């Protein structure tokens, strides 16, 4: 990571979180900034916004004419700029500086970077497998749901 880039990230984060002050808080915040860089947090948030938009457009094709407005709305409320201050605060409240250093020490390794890329793919595959198994056994679920319930 280029030192100038990290300084820019830290400066930006200090603007986003004006209540964070002091050397300890700054170094704590620095670890969150590093974590977000290593885990591509901004990119993931942006991809999530795009996924929500696509889902909305599939569910309501009439929105296609207003897709730009939909995207602007989503970015305004759940985009990176809308949530980053809350995310910085959540991570600083959840993890100590030392815990973040340990996490970052792992994520900066080739194995850590592989985990960042592969685990979301594994989660998607697990979800696909679960849905496939549920669909294969939907009859059993329908039988359970059709059992007469005692009336009060």
Protein backbone atom coordinates (compact mmCIF):
# COMPACT_ATOMS: atom_id res chain seq x y z
CA UNK A 1 0.00 0.00 0.00
CA UNK A 2 1.41 3.36 -0.98
CA UNK A 3 2.07 5.64 2.04
CA UNK A 4 0.46 8.65 0.33
CA UNK A 5 -2.70 6.67 -0.34
CA UNK A 6 -2.91 5.57 3.30
CA UNK A 7 -2.47 9.16 4.46
CA UNK A 8 -5.28 10.25 2.15
CA UNK A 9 -7.51 7.47 3.48
CA UNK A 10 -6.72 8.42 7.06
CA UNK A 11 -7.41 12.09 6.39
CA UNK A 12 -10.72 11.24 4.73
CA UNK A 13 -11.67 8.96 7.60
CA UNK A 14 -10.83 11.70 10.11
CA UNK A 15 -13.27 13.99 8.30
CA UNK A 16 -15.94 11.33 8.35
CA UNK A 17 -15.50 10.65 12.04
CA UNK A 18 -14.86 14.04 13.63
CA UNK A 19 -15.51 12.71 17.14
CA UNK A 20 -12.53 10.37 16.85
CA UNK A 21 -9.57 12.11 18.37
CA UNK A 22 -6.27 11.44 20.08
CA UNK A 23 -3.30 9.33 19.05
CA UNK A 24 -4.87 6.08 20.26
CA UNK A 25 -8.11 6.71 18.38
CA UNK A 26 -6.21 7.75 15.25
CA UNK A 27 -4.13 4.58 15.24
CA UNK A 28 -7.27 2.55 15.97
CA UNK A 29 -9.01 4.24 13.04
CA UNK A 30 -5.95 3.62 10.88
CA UNK A 31 -6.37 -0.11 11.47
CA UNK A 32 -10.03 0.06 10.36
CA UNK A 33 -9.00 1.98 7.23
CA UNK A 34 -6.39 -0.66 6.46
CA UNK A 35 -8.92 -3.45 7.03
CA UNK A 36 -11.43 -1.81 4.70
CA UNK A 37 -8.72 -1.41 2.05
CA UNK A 38 -7.59 -5.04 2.39
CA UNK A 39 -11.15 -6.37 2.27
CA UNK A 40 -12.25 -4.04 -0.56
CA UNK A 41 -15.12 -2.79 1.61
CA UNK A 42 -16.02 0.17 -0.60
CA UNK A 43 -16.14 -2.05 -3.69
CA UNK A 44 -18.30 -4.61 -1.87
CA UNK A 45 -20.73 -1.93 -0.72
CA UNK A 46 -20.95 -0.58 -4.27
CA UNK A 47 -21.56 -4.08 -5.63
CA UNK A 48 -24.24 -4.61 -3.01
CA UNK A 49 -26.02 -1.41 -4.08
CA UNK A 50 -25.90 -2.59 -7.69
CA UNK A 51 -27.30 -6.00 -6.66
CA UNK A 52 -30.18 -4.38 -4.78
CA UNK A 53 -30.94 -2.22 -7.82
CA UNK A 54 -30.92 -5.22 -10.16
CA UNK A 55 -33.17 -7.18 -7.80
CA UNK A 56 -35.63 -4.28 -7.64
CA UNK A 57 -35.63 -3.98 -11.45
CA UNK A 58 -36.26 -7.73 -11.87
CA UNK A 59 -39.11 -7.63 -9.37
CA UNK A 60 -40.63 -4.46 -10.83
CA UNK A 61 -39.72 -4.03 -14.51
CA UNK A 62 -41.71 -0.78 -14.61
CA UNK A 63 -38.85 0.80 -12.64
CA UNK A 64 -36.55 0.43 -15.65
CA UNK A 65 -37.58 3.87 -16.90
CA UNK A 66 -36.46 5.30 -13.58
CA UNK A 67 -33.35 3.17 -13.06
CA UNK A 68 -31.10 6.24 -12.73
CA UNK A 69 -33.34 7.65 -10.01
CA UNK A 70 -33.47 4.25 -8.29
CA UNK A 71 -29.69 4.02 -8.34
CA UNK A 72 -29.33 7.57 -7.01
CA UNK A 73 -31.77 6.75 -4.19
CA UNK A 74 -29.91 3.57 -3.26
CA UNK A 75 -26.52 5.28 -3.36
CA UNK A 76 -27.88 8.11 -1.24
CA UNK A 77 -29.16 5.78 1.48
CA UNK A 78 -27.05 2.60 1.37
CA UNK A 79 -24.07 3.53 -0.81
CA UNK A 80 -20.51 3.80 0.48
CA UNK A 81 -20.71 7.53 1.23
CA UNK A 82 -23.96 6.99 3.14
CA UNK A 83 -22.72 4.16 5.36
CA UNK A 84 -18.97 4.55 5.72
CA UNK A 85 -19.06 6.66 8.90
CA UNK A 86 -21.33 4.12 10.57
CA UNK A 87 -19.14 1.25 9.39
CA UNK A 88 -15.98 2.91 10.73
CA UNK A 89 -17.71 3.45 14.08
CA UNK A 90 -19.08 -0.11 14.21
CA UNK A 91 -15.70 -1.67 13.54
CA UNK A 92 -13.98 0.59 16.06
CA UNK A 93 -16.57 -0.36 18.69
CA UNK A 94 -16.44 -4.05 17.83
CA UNK A 95 -12.69 -4.64 17.47
CA UNK A 96 -9.83 -3.33 19.55
CA UNK A 97 -6.85 -1.85 17.78
CA UNK A 98 -4.82 -4.97 18.58
CA UNK A 99 -7.55 -7.24 17.20
CA UNK A 100 -7.65 -5.21 14.01
CA UNK A 101 -3.86 -5.44 13.70
CA UNK A 102 -4.12 -9.23 14.01
CA UNK A 103 -6.91 -9.39 11.42
CA UNK A 104 -4.95 -7.12 9.07
CA UNK A 105 -1.78 -9.16 9.55
CA UNK A 106 -3.71 -12.16 8.26
CA UNK A 107 -5.59 -10.43 5.45
CA UNK A 108 -2.41 -8.90 4.04
CA UNK A 109 -1.02 -12.40 3.39
CA UNK A 110 -1.72 -14.32 0.17
CA UNK A 111 -3.88 -16.74 2.17
CA UNK A 112 -5.82 -13.88 3.72
CA UNK A 113 -6.42 -12.36 0.30
CA UNK A 114 -7.60 -15.77 -0.94
CA UNK A 115 -10.06 -15.96 1.97
CA UNK A 116 -11.46 -12.54 1.02
CA UNK A 117 -12.08 -13.71 -2.55
CA UNK A 118 -13.09 -17.35 -1.99
CA UNK A 119 -15.29 -17.29 1.14
CA UNK A 120 -18.06 -15.19 -0.48
CA UNK A 121 -18.06 -17.65 -3.39
CA UNK A 122 -18.32 -20.56 -0.96
CA UNK A 123 -21.23 -18.87 0.82
CA UNK A 124 -23.04 -18.43 -2.51
CA UNK A 125 -22.43 -22.08 -3.36
CA UNK A 126 -23.65 -23.15 0.09
CA UNK A 127 -26.82 -21.07 -0.38
CA UNK A 128 -27.36 -22.54 -3.85
CA UNK A 129 -26.96 -26.05 -2.45
CA UNK A 130 -29.41 -25.32 0.38
CA UNK A 131 -32.02 -23.97 -2.07
CA UNK A 132 -31.53 -26.97 -4.36
CA UNK A 133 -32.06 -29.38 -1.48
CA UNK A 134 -35.14 -27.50 -0.30
CA UNK A 135 -36.60 -27.59 -3.81
CA UNK A 136 -35.91 -31.33 -4.07
CA UNK A 137 -37.79 -31.90 -0.83
CA UNK A 138 -40.57 -29.31 -1.22
CA UNK A 139 -43.21 -32.05 -1.06
CA UNK A 140 -42.17 -32.93 2.48
CA UNK A 141 -42.41 -29.27 3.49
CA UNK A 142 -45.84 -28.97 1.88
CA UNK A 143 -47.01 -32.01 3.88
CA UNK A 144 -45.78 -30.41 7.09
CA UNK A 145 -47.51 -27.14 6.24
CA UNK A 146 -50.80 -28.84 5.31
CA UNK A 147 -51.21 -30.64 8.64
CA UNK A 148 -54.39 -29.41 10.25
CA UNK A 149 -53.71 -26.98 13.01
CA UNK A 150 -55.81 -27.29 16.16
CA UNK A 151 -58.37 -24.50 16.24
CA UNK A 152 -58.46 -22.33 19.39
